[in-house]
Every structure is written in structure tokens, then in C-alpha cells.
């Protein structure tokens, strides 16, 4: 069976084109608007994002994993703009999970989710699932409205149990299970006020049901970790629109190749990062060989 290519990007934070309408003004939105005006608009730029998206298209992946935060204030106008932007990218089948900025305010959550239905692959119920060949992208929604000054996430007991069932079924079907979530499911990658509140619950599900790879965003950093007491790799990426600078934070994405082997998966993660000269280059490469639990795939 041939190798399979996945592109992982996150946190594009598309430029803010409109201010909130009067009925959309909330204290937390005003805080985020202040942050955008004073800081983030100087860091998240259209040019780096265009470089990243062009680089992804050149690699011609078969699936795209997008781990949230297309918006800044969670405005309906931003959701419409993000829908247009996604359509313009002409990407292969894509699974999107929302980020904390996308869920900043509870207002009109269903209507905004409907605008992204083509990529969320679900209504308001998660986990989501996108299967192609021997790959299962499984989306977990950790994006929930929070108090001002907090950007934390939560999976919830009901979603965690549904996730367990999806992981077990995909494993029995012999699929390579790639889990997408916005908030890092391991400690010390973000502060507590930005962390995953029920991290222990999610880790328990992953340990019990199994997964081959977990992808996340939110930290705006290129990182590598593992689910504790397992060999399940947890891979983060920088914001796809961040200005060039330190390789740990410069705009980039992860080029993931999955090679089915007898008895195991060979998964290679190549970091692609933007240099200060505007050129995309190879960063570090990591290879993992998780055991294939199911015998249903034959080479």
C-alpha cells in the first residue's frame, strides 16, 4: 500500500476586516479586539500565510488537518470571510476543528458552524471523522466559550465517550488514527489559563482506545511530545500566518507521510518553516513507528 500525505496547519488568524456590530459587542470581544489592535495584527500577516498555503499546494497532500483559530473575535463576518478563504485555497479533503477564538462568544454558534459545514464534517456534535484510504482524521472539539482573560478548552465527558467508540472502531477497521484538537492535550505547552481543563480525561481515552498521532494548535509553537505513559506522539505547529523569526514561532506547517508497513505504521513528520528571506525550508524531521493493532490491512 502506498504512502499517504497529510498537511497539518493551524491558527491562521485571518486579518480582521470588520469591527463588531453593536449587537455583537461583548466585554471579551473588546479585550480580543484590543489585543489584535495592539499586538496580533503586527504578528499575523497575509504574506506569510500565502507562502504557507502555496507551499502546501506544492506538496500536493491527500488530506489537510486544520486545528482551528481562523478568526480573531469569532464574528459571523469572520466566519463568512474564512469560508471564502477556504474555498479560494482549493485544498484536498480537509477536516477542521474550531479554536478558542472561533468559539469566543456563544452567540449564533449553530449558524456560524453551518458556514463551515464543508470542513467541520459534523453538525454541532463531535468527534468528527474524515476517512480516506487507510487514514482516519478524527476531530475533537475543545473550543468552548470561557470567562474574560481565559482561553482554556474542554472536551467534556459525552464527547470523550463518543471519541472512545470512534477510536476503537477505526482501530478495528485497521485505519491509521490521526486525532485533531486545538488545545494541546499534554501539560506545560501553554499556561493553565490557556490549557485543556479536562486533559486527564482525554489522555485516559487515548491510552485506553489508542491513536497513532495527535495534532494540535493553540500554542503557536512547533513542538513534539507524547501522551503520558504511551508512545502516542503529540505534534504542534506554529501559526500559519505568523511573521518569520525564530523557527519555533515562524509561520509553518507539518508535512506528514504515513507509510503502512508489516506490523506497524511508519509516520514521518517534516516541519516546513518560513525564513526571514520569505523562503519556505525544511525544518526538523521526526519518524514514529506505532504498532498496527489491526490485521485488517494487508500489504
C-alpha atoms as a PDB file:
ATOM      1  CA  UNK A   1       0.000   0.000   0.000  1.00  0.00           C
ATOM      2  CA  UNK A   2       1.487   3.402  -0.983  1.00  0.00           C
ATOM      3  CA  UNK A   3       2.372   6.188   1.418  1.00  0.00           C
ATOM      4  CA  UNK A   4      -0.169   8.884   2.216  1.00  0.00           C
ATOM      5  CA  UNK A   5       0.459  12.622   2.608  1.00  0.00           C
ATOM      6  CA  UNK A   6      -1.260  14.875   5.169  1.00  0.00           C
ATOM      7  CA  UNK A   7      -0.755  18.617   5.640  1.00  0.00           C
ATOM      8  CA  UNK A   8      -1.234  19.995   9.160  1.00  0.00           C
ATOM      9  CA  UNK A   9      -1.645  23.740   9.677  1.00  0.00           C
ATOM     10  CA  UNK A  10      -3.182  25.834  12.421  1.00  0.00           C
ATOM     11  CA  UNK A  11      -4.072  29.279  13.774  1.00  0.00           C
ATOM     12  CA  UNK A  12      -4.129  31.313  10.540  1.00  0.00           C
ATOM     13  CA  UNK A  13      -5.920  34.177  12.340  1.00  0.00           C
ATOM     14  CA  UNK A  14      -7.162  35.726   9.107  1.00  0.00           C
ATOM     15  CA  UNK A  15      -6.890  39.535   9.068  1.00  0.00           C
ATOM     16  CA  UNK A  16      -9.792  41.298  10.742  1.00  0.00           C
ATOM     17  CA  UNK A  17     -11.811  43.052   8.039  1.00  0.00           C
ATOM     18  CA  UNK A  18     -14.755  44.376  10.073  1.00  0.00           C
ATOM     19  CA  UNK A  19     -15.386  45.583  13.591  1.00  0.00           C
ATOM     20  CA  UNK A  20     -18.197  44.021  15.673  1.00  0.00           C
ATOM     21  CA  UNK A  21     -21.715  45.241  15.077  1.00  0.00           C
ATOM     22  CA  UNK A  22     -23.485  46.823  18.050  1.00  0.00           C
ATOM     23  CA  UNK A  23     -25.339  43.603  18.915  1.00  0.00           C
ATOM     24  CA  UNK A  24     -22.046  41.652  18.787  1.00  0.00           C
ATOM     25  CA  UNK A  25     -20.153  43.738  21.315  1.00  0.00           C
ATOM     26  CA  UNK A  26     -19.178  41.818  24.441  1.00  0.00           C
ATOM     27  CA  UNK A  27     -16.509  42.543  27.033  1.00  0.00           C
ATOM     28  CA  UNK A  28     -14.415  39.550  25.957  1.00  0.00           C
ATOM     29  CA  UNK A  29     -14.608  40.626  22.316  1.00  0.00           C
ATOM     30  CA  UNK A  30     -13.398  44.068  23.269  1.00  0.00           C
ATOM     31  CA  UNK A  31     -10.415  42.506  25.045  1.00  0.00           C
ATOM     32  CA  UNK A  32      -9.587  40.430  21.955  1.00  0.00           C
ATOM     33  CA  UNK A  33     -10.034  43.457  19.726  1.00  0.00           C
ATOM     34  CA  UNK A  34      -7.596  45.386  21.900  1.00  0.00           C
ATOM     35  CA  UNK A  35      -5.121  42.504  21.674  1.00  0.00           C
ATOM     36  CA  UNK A  36      -5.492  42.405  17.884  1.00  0.00           C
ATOM     37  CA  UNK A  37      -5.051  46.163  17.530  1.00  0.00           C
ATOM     38  CA  UNK A  38      -2.034  46.488  19.802  1.00  0.00           C
ATOM     39  CA  UNK A  39      -0.175  43.241  19.084  1.00  0.00           C
ATOM     40  CA  UNK A  40      -1.535  40.424  16.979  1.00  0.00           C
ATOM     41  CA  UNK A  41      -2.198  42.381  13.783  1.00  0.00           C
ATOM     42  CA  UNK A  42       1.538  43.117  13.685  1.00  0.00           C
ATOM     43  CA  UNK A  43       2.394  39.383  14.023  1.00  0.00           C
ATOM     44  CA  UNK A  44      -0.255  37.670  11.865  1.00  0.00           C
ATOM     45  CA  UNK A  45       0.156  38.743   8.255  1.00  0.00           C
ATOM     46  CA  UNK A  46      -1.345  37.825   4.900  1.00  0.00           C
ATOM     47  CA  UNK A  47       2.051  37.393   3.196  1.00  0.00           C
ATOM     48  CA  UNK A  48       3.391  34.597   5.460  1.00  0.00           C
ATOM     49  CA  UNK A  49       0.047  32.809   5.234  1.00  0.00           C
ATOM     50  CA  UNK A  50       0.128  32.988   1.437  1.00  0.00           C
ATOM     51  CA  UNK A  51       3.645  31.478   1.467  1.00  0.00           C
ATOM     52  CA  UNK A  52       2.486  28.620   3.685  1.00  0.00           C
ATOM     53  CA  UNK A  53      -0.588  27.856   1.587  1.00  0.00           C
ATOM     54  CA  UNK A  54       1.423  27.937  -1.642  1.00  0.00           C
ATOM     55  CA  UNK A  55       3.949  25.561  -0.083  1.00  0.00           C
ATOM     56  CA  UNK A  56       1.183  23.165   0.963  1.00  0.00           C
ATOM     57  CA  UNK A  57      -0.257  23.131  -2.539  1.00  0.00           C
ATOM     58  CA  UNK A  58       3.179  22.341  -3.999  1.00  0.00           C
ATOM     59  CA  UNK A  59       3.433  19.269  -1.763  1.00  0.00           C
ATOM     60  CA  UNK A  60       0.032  18.047  -3.050  1.00  0.00           C
ATOM     61  CA  UNK A  61      -1.207  16.377   0.150  1.00  0.00           C
ATOM     62  CA  UNK A  62      -4.133  13.981   0.009  1.00  0.00           C
ATOM     63  CA  UNK A  63      -5.715  15.295   3.224  1.00  0.00           C
ATOM     64  CA  UNK A  64      -5.469  18.528   5.212  1.00  0.00           C
ATOM     65  CA  UNK A  65      -5.773  18.804   9.010  1.00  0.00           C
ATOM     66  CA  UNK A  66      -6.598  22.322  10.230  1.00  0.00           C
ATOM     67  CA  UNK A  67      -6.577  22.734  14.006  1.00  0.00           C
ATOM     68  CA  UNK A  68      -8.514  25.944  14.486  1.00  0.00           C
ATOM     69  CA  UNK A  69      -8.439  29.694  15.058  1.00  0.00           C
ATOM     70  CA  UNK A  70      -9.260  31.006  11.612  1.00  0.00           C
ATOM     71  CA  UNK A  71     -10.883  34.010  13.296  1.00  0.00           C
ATOM     72  CA  UNK A  72      -9.890  36.545  15.933  1.00  0.00           C
ATOM     73  CA  UNK A  73     -13.158  37.674  17.512  1.00  0.00           C
ATOM     74  CA  UNK A  74     -15.475  34.835  16.458  1.00  0.00           C
ATOM     75  CA  UNK A  75     -17.670  37.243  14.460  1.00  0.00           C
ATOM     76  CA  UNK A  76     -20.159  35.943  11.908  1.00  0.00           C
ATOM     77  CA  UNK A  77     -18.476  38.214   9.334  1.00  0.00           C
ATOM     78  CA  UNK A  78     -15.175  36.481  10.115  1.00  0.00           C
ATOM     79  CA  UNK A  79     -16.795  33.074   9.633  1.00  0.00           C
ATOM     80  CA  UNK A  80     -18.075  34.198   6.233  1.00  0.00           C
ATOM     81  CA  UNK A  81     -14.648  35.553   5.285  1.00  0.00           C
ATOM     82  CA  UNK A  82     -12.980  32.337   6.451  1.00  0.00           C
ATOM     83  CA  UNK A  83     -15.416  30.289   4.365  1.00  0.00           C
ATOM     84  CA  UNK A  84     -14.490  32.339   1.292  1.00  0.00           C
ATOM     85  CA  UNK A  85     -10.790  31.967   2.083  1.00  0.00           C
ATOM     86  CA  UNK A  86     -11.096  28.197   2.454  1.00  0.00           C
ATOM     87  CA  UNK A  87     -12.894  27.937  -0.878  1.00  0.00           C
ATOM     88  CA  UNK A  88     -10.169  30.005  -2.546  1.00  0.00           C
ATOM     89  CA  UNK A  89      -7.447  27.630  -1.342  1.00  0.00           C
ATOM     90  CA  UNK A  90      -8.815  24.730  -3.421  1.00  0.00           C
ATOM     91  CA  UNK A  91      -7.498  22.216  -0.902  1.00  0.00           C
ATOM     92  CA  UNK A  92      -7.968  18.445  -0.968  1.00  0.00           C
ATOM     93  CA  UNK A  93     -10.443  16.945   1.568  1.00  0.00           C
ATOM     94  CA  UNK A  94      -9.966  18.929   4.775  1.00  0.00           C
ATOM     95  CA  UNK A  95     -11.004  18.373   8.380  1.00  0.00           C
ATOM     96  CA  UNK A  96     -11.281  21.478  10.552  1.00  0.00           C
ATOM     97  CA  UNK A  97     -11.686  21.654  14.312  1.00  0.00           C
ATOM     98  CA  UNK A  98     -12.543  25.044  15.867  1.00  0.00           C
ATOM     99  CA  UNK A  99     -10.205  27.027  18.090  1.00  0.00           C
ATOM    100  CA  UNK A 100     -10.862  29.154  21.148  1.00  0.00           C
ATOM    101  CA  UNK A 101     -11.064  32.366  19.077  1.00  0.00           C
ATOM    102  CA  UNK A 102     -13.685  30.716  16.841  1.00  0.00           C
ATOM    103  CA  UNK A 103     -15.756  29.963  19.963  1.00  0.00           C
ATOM    104  CA  UNK A 104     -15.036  33.240  21.745  1.00  0.00           C
ATOM    105  CA  UNK A 105     -18.735  34.009  22.272  1.00  0.00           C
ATOM    106  CA  UNK A 106     -21.660  31.567  22.402  1.00  0.00           C
ATOM    107  CA  UNK A 107     -23.832  33.857  20.225  1.00  0.00           C
ATOM    108  CA  UNK A 108     -25.140  32.209  16.995  1.00  0.00           C
ATOM    109  CA  UNK A 109     -22.881  29.163  17.377  1.00  0.00           C
ATOM    110  CA  UNK A 110     -25.069  26.938  15.191  1.00  0.00           C
ATOM    111  CA  UNK A 111     -25.349  29.499  12.403  1.00  0.00           C
ATOM    112  CA  UNK A 112     -21.602  30.071  12.306  1.00  0.00           C
ATOM    113  CA  UNK A 113     -20.881  26.327  12.366  1.00  0.00           C
ATOM    114  CA  UNK A 114     -23.181  25.906   9.361  1.00  0.00           C
ATOM    115  CA  UNK A 115     -20.933  28.246   7.366  1.00  0.00           C
ATOM    116  CA  UNK A 116     -18.033  25.840   7.914  1.00  0.00           C
ATOM    117  CA  UNK A 117     -20.007  22.606   7.496  1.00  0.00           C
ATOM    118  CA  UNK A 118     -17.945  21.522   4.468  1.00  0.00           C
ATOM    119  CA  UNK A 119     -14.839  21.273   6.645  1.00  0.00           C
ATOM    120  CA  UNK A 120     -16.212  20.549  10.120  1.00  0.00           C
ATOM    121  CA  UNK A 121     -17.797  17.361   8.725  1.00  0.00           C
ATOM    122  CA  UNK A 122     -20.361  17.392  11.523  1.00  0.00           C
ATOM    123  CA  UNK A 123     -23.214  19.455  12.901  1.00  0.00           C
ATOM    124  CA  UNK A 124     -22.686  20.534  16.494  1.00  0.00           C
ATOM    125  CA  UNK A 125     -21.759  17.024  17.589  1.00  0.00           C
ATOM    126  CA  UNK A 126     -18.139  15.907  17.838  1.00  0.00           C
ATOM    127  CA  UNK A 127     -15.936  13.975  17.291  1.00  0.00           C
ATOM    128  CA  UNK A 128     -15.924  14.374  13.530  1.00  0.00           C
ATOM    129  CA  UNK A 129     -14.496  11.865  11.087  1.00  0.00           C
ATOM    130  CA  UNK A 130     -12.877  12.062   7.657  1.00  0.00           C
ATOM    131  CA  UNK A 131     -11.647   8.775   6.170  1.00  0.00           C
ATOM    132  CA  UNK A 132      -9.648   8.358   3.004  1.00  0.00           C
ATOM    133  CA  UNK A 133      -7.901   5.129   2.053  1.00  0.00           C
ATOM    134  CA  UNK A 134      -6.225   3.863   5.245  1.00  0.00           C
ATOM    135  CA  UNK A 135      -6.268   7.197   7.122  1.00  0.00           C
ATOM    136  CA  UNK A 136      -8.882   8.386   9.624  1.00  0.00           C
ATOM    137  CA  UNK A 137      -8.757  12.033  10.630  1.00  0.00           C
ATOM    138  CA  UNK A 138     -10.731  12.329  13.876  1.00  0.00           C
ATOM    139  CA  UNK A 139     -11.692  15.809  15.055  1.00  0.00           C
ATOM    140  CA  UNK A 140     -12.151  16.657  18.735  1.00  0.00           C
ATOM    141  CA  UNK A 141     -13.761  19.964  19.687  1.00  0.00           C
ATOM    142  CA  UNK A 142     -12.069  21.592  22.690  1.00  0.00           C
ATOM    143  CA  UNK A 143     -13.269  25.121  21.855  1.00  0.00           C
ATOM    144  CA  UNK A 144     -15.757  26.444  24.402  1.00  0.00           C
ATOM    145  CA  UNK A 145     -16.651  29.999  25.457  1.00  0.00           C
ATOM    146  CA  UNK A 146     -14.715  30.999  28.580  1.00  0.00           C
ATOM    147  CA  UNK A 147     -14.522  33.852  31.044  1.00  0.00           C
ATOM    148  CA  UNK A 148     -12.593  37.023  30.146  1.00  0.00           C
ATOM    149  CA  UNK A 149      -8.801  36.603  30.300  1.00  0.00           C
ATOM    150  CA  UNK A 150      -9.128  32.822  29.816  1.00  0.00           C
ATOM    151  CA  UNK A 151      -8.552  30.805  26.624  1.00  0.00           C
ATOM    152  CA  UNK A 152      -8.921  27.321  28.074  1.00  0.00           C
ATOM    153  CA  UNK A 153     -10.643  24.367  26.445  1.00  0.00           C
ATOM    154  CA  UNK A 154     -12.780  21.397  27.422  1.00  0.00           C
ATOM    155  CA  UNK A 155     -13.694  18.120  25.722  1.00  0.00           C
ATOM    156  CA  UNK A 156     -16.488  17.022  28.061  1.00  0.00           C
ATOM    157  CA  UNK A 157     -17.479  13.547  29.231  1.00  0.00           C
ATOM    158  CA  UNK A 158     -20.056  12.916  26.494  1.00  0.00           C
ATOM    159  CA  UNK A 159     -17.673  13.773  23.656  1.00  0.00           C
ATOM    160  CA  UNK A 160     -14.906  11.756  25.317  1.00  0.00           C
ATOM    161  CA  UNK A 161     -17.085   8.629  25.334  1.00  0.00           C
ATOM    162  CA  UNK A 162     -18.044   9.127  21.686  1.00  0.00           C
ATOM    163  CA  UNK A 163     -14.362   9.575  20.891  1.00  0.00           C
ATOM    164  CA  UNK A 164     -13.540   6.297  22.610  1.00  0.00           C
ATOM    165  CA  UNK A 165     -16.035   4.484  20.403  1.00  0.00           C
ATOM    166  CA  UNK A 166     -14.757   6.143  17.206  1.00  0.00           C
ATOM    167  CA  UNK A 167     -11.119   5.311  18.045  1.00  0.00           C
ATOM    168  CA  UNK A 168     -11.911   1.689  18.850  1.00  0.00           C
ATOM    169  CA  UNK A 169     -13.928   1.215  15.660  1.00  0.00           C
ATOM    170  CA  UNK A 170     -11.275   2.869  13.475  1.00  0.00           C
ATOM    171  CA  UNK A 171      -8.596   0.693  15.080  1.00  0.00           C
ATOM    172  CA  UNK A 172     -10.624  -2.445  14.460  1.00  0.00           C
ATOM    173  CA  UNK A 173     -11.009  -1.363  10.832  1.00  0.00           C
ATOM    174  CA  UNK A 174      -7.220  -1.146  10.507  1.00  0.00           C
ATOM    175  CA  UNK A 175      -7.083   2.628   9.992  1.00  0.00           C
ATOM    176  CA  UNK A 176      -4.269   4.943  10.978  1.00  0.00           C
ATOM    177  CA  UNK A 177      -5.972   7.186  13.551  1.00  0.00           C
ATOM    178  CA  UNK A 178      -4.896  10.838  13.474  1.00  0.00           C
ATOM    179  CA  UNK A 179      -6.618  12.932  16.149  1.00  0.00           C
ATOM    180  CA  UNK A 180      -7.075  16.695  15.676  1.00  0.00           C
ATOM    181  CA  UNK A 181      -7.652  19.068  18.601  1.00  0.00           C
ATOM    182  CA  UNK A 182      -6.982  22.770  19.103  1.00  0.00           C
ATOM    183  CA  UNK A 183      -5.725  22.767  22.700  1.00  0.00           C
ATOM    184  CA  UNK A 184      -2.570  20.745  23.458  1.00  0.00           C
ATOM    185  CA  UNK A 185      -3.544  17.508  25.261  1.00  0.00           C
ATOM    186  CA  UNK A 186      -0.298  17.471  27.273  1.00  0.00           C
ATOM    187  CA  UNK A 187       0.940  19.712  30.070  1.00  0.00           C
ATOM    188  CA  UNK A 188       3.395  22.617  30.004  1.00  0.00           C
ATOM    189  CA  UNK A 189       2.915  23.711  26.374  1.00  0.00           C
ATOM    190  CA  UNK A 190       0.607  26.590  27.318  1.00  0.00           C
ATOM    191  CA  UNK A 191      -0.263  28.297  30.596  1.00  0.00           C
ATOM    192  CA  UNK A 192      -3.067  26.975  32.796  1.00  0.00           C
ATOM    193  CA  UNK A 193      -5.438  29.750  31.745  1.00  0.00           C
ATOM    194  CA  UNK A 194      -4.984  28.572  28.129  1.00  0.00           C
ATOM    195  CA  UNK A 195      -4.877  24.846  28.819  1.00  0.00           C
ATOM    196  CA  UNK A 196      -7.252  21.925  28.412  1.00  0.00           C
ATOM    197  CA  UNK A 197      -9.329  21.721  31.594  1.00  0.00           C
ATOM    198  CA  UNK A 198     -10.109  18.003  31.315  1.00  0.00           C
ATOM    199  CA  UNK A 199      -6.753  16.913  29.924  1.00  0.00           C
ATOM    200  CA  UNK A 200      -6.641  13.841  32.190  1.00  0.00           C
ATOM    201  CA  UNK A 201      -9.939  12.610  30.762  1.00  0.00           C
ATOM    202  CA  UNK A 202      -8.769  12.914  27.161  1.00  0.00           C
ATOM    203  CA  UNK A 203      -5.434  11.293  27.947  1.00  0.00           C
ATOM    204  CA  UNK A 204      -7.239   8.373  29.570  1.00  0.00           C
ATOM    205  CA  UNK A 205      -9.379   7.834  26.463  1.00  0.00           C
ATOM    206  CA  UNK A 206      -6.327   7.938  24.191  1.00  0.00           C
ATOM    207  CA  UNK A 207      -4.441   5.487  26.396  1.00  0.00           C
ATOM    208  CA  UNK A 208      -7.376   3.075  26.510  1.00  0.00           C
ATOM    209  CA  UNK A 209      -8.599   3.248  22.905  1.00  0.00           C
ATOM    210  CA  UNK A 210      -5.336   4.096  21.147  1.00  0.00           C
ATOM    211  CA  UNK A 211      -4.327   6.504  18.399  1.00  0.00           C
ATOM    212  CA  UNK A 212      -1.355   6.746  16.073  1.00  0.00           C
ATOM    213  CA  UNK A 213      -0.853  10.527  16.103  1.00  0.00           C
ATOM    214  CA  UNK A 214      -2.330  13.629  17.767  1.00  0.00           C
ATOM    215  CA  UNK A 215      -2.135  17.061  16.091  1.00  0.00           C
ATOM    216  CA  UNK A 216      -2.879  20.378  17.816  1.00  0.00           C
ATOM    217  CA  UNK A 217      -2.510  24.139  17.525  1.00  0.00           C
ATOM    218  CA  UNK A 218      -3.120  26.951  20.046  1.00  0.00           C
ATOM    219  CA  UNK A 219       0.441  27.201  21.379  1.00  0.00           C
ATOM    220  CA  UNK A 220       1.704  28.899  18.179  1.00  0.00           C
ATOM    221  CA  UNK A 221       4.867  26.798  18.526  1.00  0.00           C
ATOM    222  CA  UNK A 222       6.390  23.830  16.746  1.00  0.00           C
ATOM    223  CA  UNK A 223       6.545  21.171  19.456  1.00  0.00           C
ATOM    224  CA  UNK A 224       6.780  17.432  19.962  1.00  0.00           C
ATOM    225  CA  UNK A 225       5.533  15.489  22.989  1.00  0.00           C
ATOM    226  CA  UNK A 226       3.797  12.213  23.883  1.00  0.00           C
ATOM    227  CA  UNK A 227       0.609  11.277  25.698  1.00  0.00           C
ATOM    228  CA  UNK A 228       1.933  10.278  29.149  1.00  0.00           C
ATOM    229  CA  UNK A 229       2.556   6.549  29.650  1.00  0.00           C
ATOM    230  CA  UNK A 230       2.161   5.875  25.916  1.00  0.00           C
ATOM    231  CA  UNK A 231       4.150   6.229  22.719  1.00  0.00           C
ATOM    232  CA  UNK A 232       1.398   8.289  21.043  1.00  0.00           C
ATOM    233  CA  UNK A 233       3.166  11.321  19.530  1.00  0.00           C
ATOM    234  CA  UNK A 234       1.635  14.765  20.033  1.00  0.00           C
ATOM    235  CA  UNK A 235       2.713  17.293  17.393  1.00  0.00           C
ATOM    236  CA  UNK A 236       2.042  21.033  17.463  1.00  0.00           C
ATOM    237  CA  UNK A 237       2.624  23.710  14.878  1.00  0.00           C
ATOM    238  CA  UNK A 238       3.092  27.451  14.744  1.00  0.00           C
ATOM    239  CA  UNK A 239       0.527  29.907  13.467  1.00  0.00           C
ATOM    240  CA  UNK A 240       0.354  29.653   9.681  1.00  0.00           C
ATOM    241  CA  UNK A 241       0.326  33.447   9.429  1.00  0.00           C
ATOM    242  CA  UNK A 242       2.995  34.386  11.975  1.00  0.00           C
ATOM    243  CA  UNK A 243       5.823  36.636  10.852  1.00  0.00           C
ATOM    244  CA  UNK A 244       9.192  34.987  10.263  1.00  0.00           C
ATOM    245  CA  UNK A 245      11.750  34.968  13.045  1.00  0.00           C
ATOM    246  CA  UNK A 246      12.521  32.168  15.471  1.00  0.00           C
ATOM    247  CA  UNK A 247      11.950  28.745  13.840  1.00  0.00           C
ATOM    248  CA  UNK A 248       9.851  27.782  16.874  1.00  0.00           C
ATOM    249  CA  UNK A 249       7.304  30.511  16.104  1.00  0.00           C
ATOM    250  CA  UNK A 250       7.736  31.440  12.407  1.00  0.00           C
ATOM    251  CA  UNK A 251       4.864  30.605  10.065  1.00  0.00           C
ATOM    252  CA  UNK A 252       4.916  26.992   9.001  1.00  0.00           C
ATOM    253  CA  UNK A 253       3.143  23.671   8.744  1.00  0.00           C
ATOM    254  CA  UNK A 254       3.764  19.951   9.175  1.00  0.00           C
ATOM    255  CA  UNK A 255       4.144  17.656   6.162  1.00  0.00           C
ATOM    256  CA  UNK A 256       3.125  14.202   7.383  1.00  0.00           C
ATOM    257  CA  UNK A 257       3.749  10.991   5.451  1.00  0.00           C
ATOM    258  CA  UNK A 258       2.155   7.716   6.567  1.00  0.00           C
ATOM    259  CA  UNK A 259       3.738   4.521   5.236  1.00  0.00           C
ATOM    260  CA  UNK A 260       1.913   1.247   6.028  1.00  0.00           C
ATOM    261  CA  UNK A 261       4.433  -1.434   6.966  1.00  0.00           C
ATOM    262  CA  UNK A 262       4.063  -5.037   8.043  1.00  0.00           C
ATOM    263  CA  UNK A 263       3.007  -4.847  11.686  1.00  0.00           C
ATOM    264  CA  UNK A 264       3.387  -1.090  12.112  1.00  0.00           C
ATOM    265  CA  UNK A 265       2.905   2.362  10.630  1.00  0.00           C
ATOM    266  CA  UNK A 266       5.900   4.437   9.634  1.00  0.00           C
ATOM    267  CA  UNK A 267       4.883   8.073  10.221  1.00  0.00           C
ATOM    268  CA  UNK A 268       7.247  10.863   9.217  1.00  0.00           C
ATOM    269  CA  UNK A 269       6.611  14.469  10.277  1.00  0.00           C
ATOM    270  CA  UNK A 270       8.609  17.080   8.352  1.00  0.00           C
ATOM    271  CA  UNK A 271       8.492  20.626   9.641  1.00  0.00           C
ATOM    272  CA  UNK A 272       8.208  23.282   6.907  1.00  0.00           C
ATOM    273  CA  UNK A 273       9.059  26.790   8.147  1.00  0.00           C
ATOM    274  CA  UNK A 274       9.294  30.315   6.764  1.00  0.00           C
ATOM    275  CA  UNK A 275      12.694  32.012   6.786  1.00  0.00           C
ATOM    276  CA  UNK A 276      13.254  35.718   7.227  1.00  0.00           C
ATOM    277  CA  UNK A 277      14.034  35.863   3.499  1.00  0.00           C
ATOM    278  CA  UNK A 278      10.477  34.740   2.704  1.00  0.00           C
ATOM    279  CA  UNK A 279      11.520  31.251   1.564  1.00  0.00           C
ATOM    280  CA  UNK A 280       9.953  28.057   2.934  1.00  0.00           C
ATOM    281  CA  UNK A 281      12.527  25.498   4.085  1.00  0.00           C
ATOM    282  CA  UNK A 282      12.731  22.080   5.687  1.00  0.00           C
ATOM    283  CA  UNK A 283      12.970  22.070   9.461  1.00  0.00           C
ATOM    284  CA  UNK A 284      13.390  19.056  11.760  1.00  0.00           C
ATOM    285  CA  UNK A 285      12.081  15.634  10.728  1.00  0.00           C
ATOM    286  CA  UNK A 286      10.702  13.046  13.152  1.00  0.00           C
ATOM    287  CA  UNK A 287       9.761   9.430  12.441  1.00  0.00           C
ATOM    288  CA  UNK A 288       7.431   7.280  14.531  1.00  0.00           C
ATOM    289  CA  UNK A 289       6.567   3.600  14.153  1.00  0.00           C
ATOM    290  CA  UNK A 290       3.360   2.872  16.097  1.00  0.00           C
ATOM    291  CA  UNK A 291       2.196  -0.730  16.153  1.00  0.00           C
ATOM    292  CA  UNK A 292      -0.673  -1.631  13.855  1.00  0.00           C
ATOM    293  CA  UNK A 293      -3.269  -3.143  16.170  1.00  0.00           C
ATOM    294  CA  UNK A 294      -5.492  -4.474  13.416  1.00  0.00           C
ATOM    295  CA  UNK A 295      -4.672  -7.149  10.869  1.00  0.00           C
ATOM    296  CA  UNK A 296      -7.416  -5.999   8.504  1.00  0.00           C
ATOM    297  CA  UNK A 297      -4.980  -4.103   6.240  1.00  0.00           C
ATOM    298  CA  UNK A 298      -2.828  -6.310   4.048  1.00  0.00           C
ATOM    299  CA  UNK A 299       0.189  -5.005   2.146  1.00  0.00           C
END
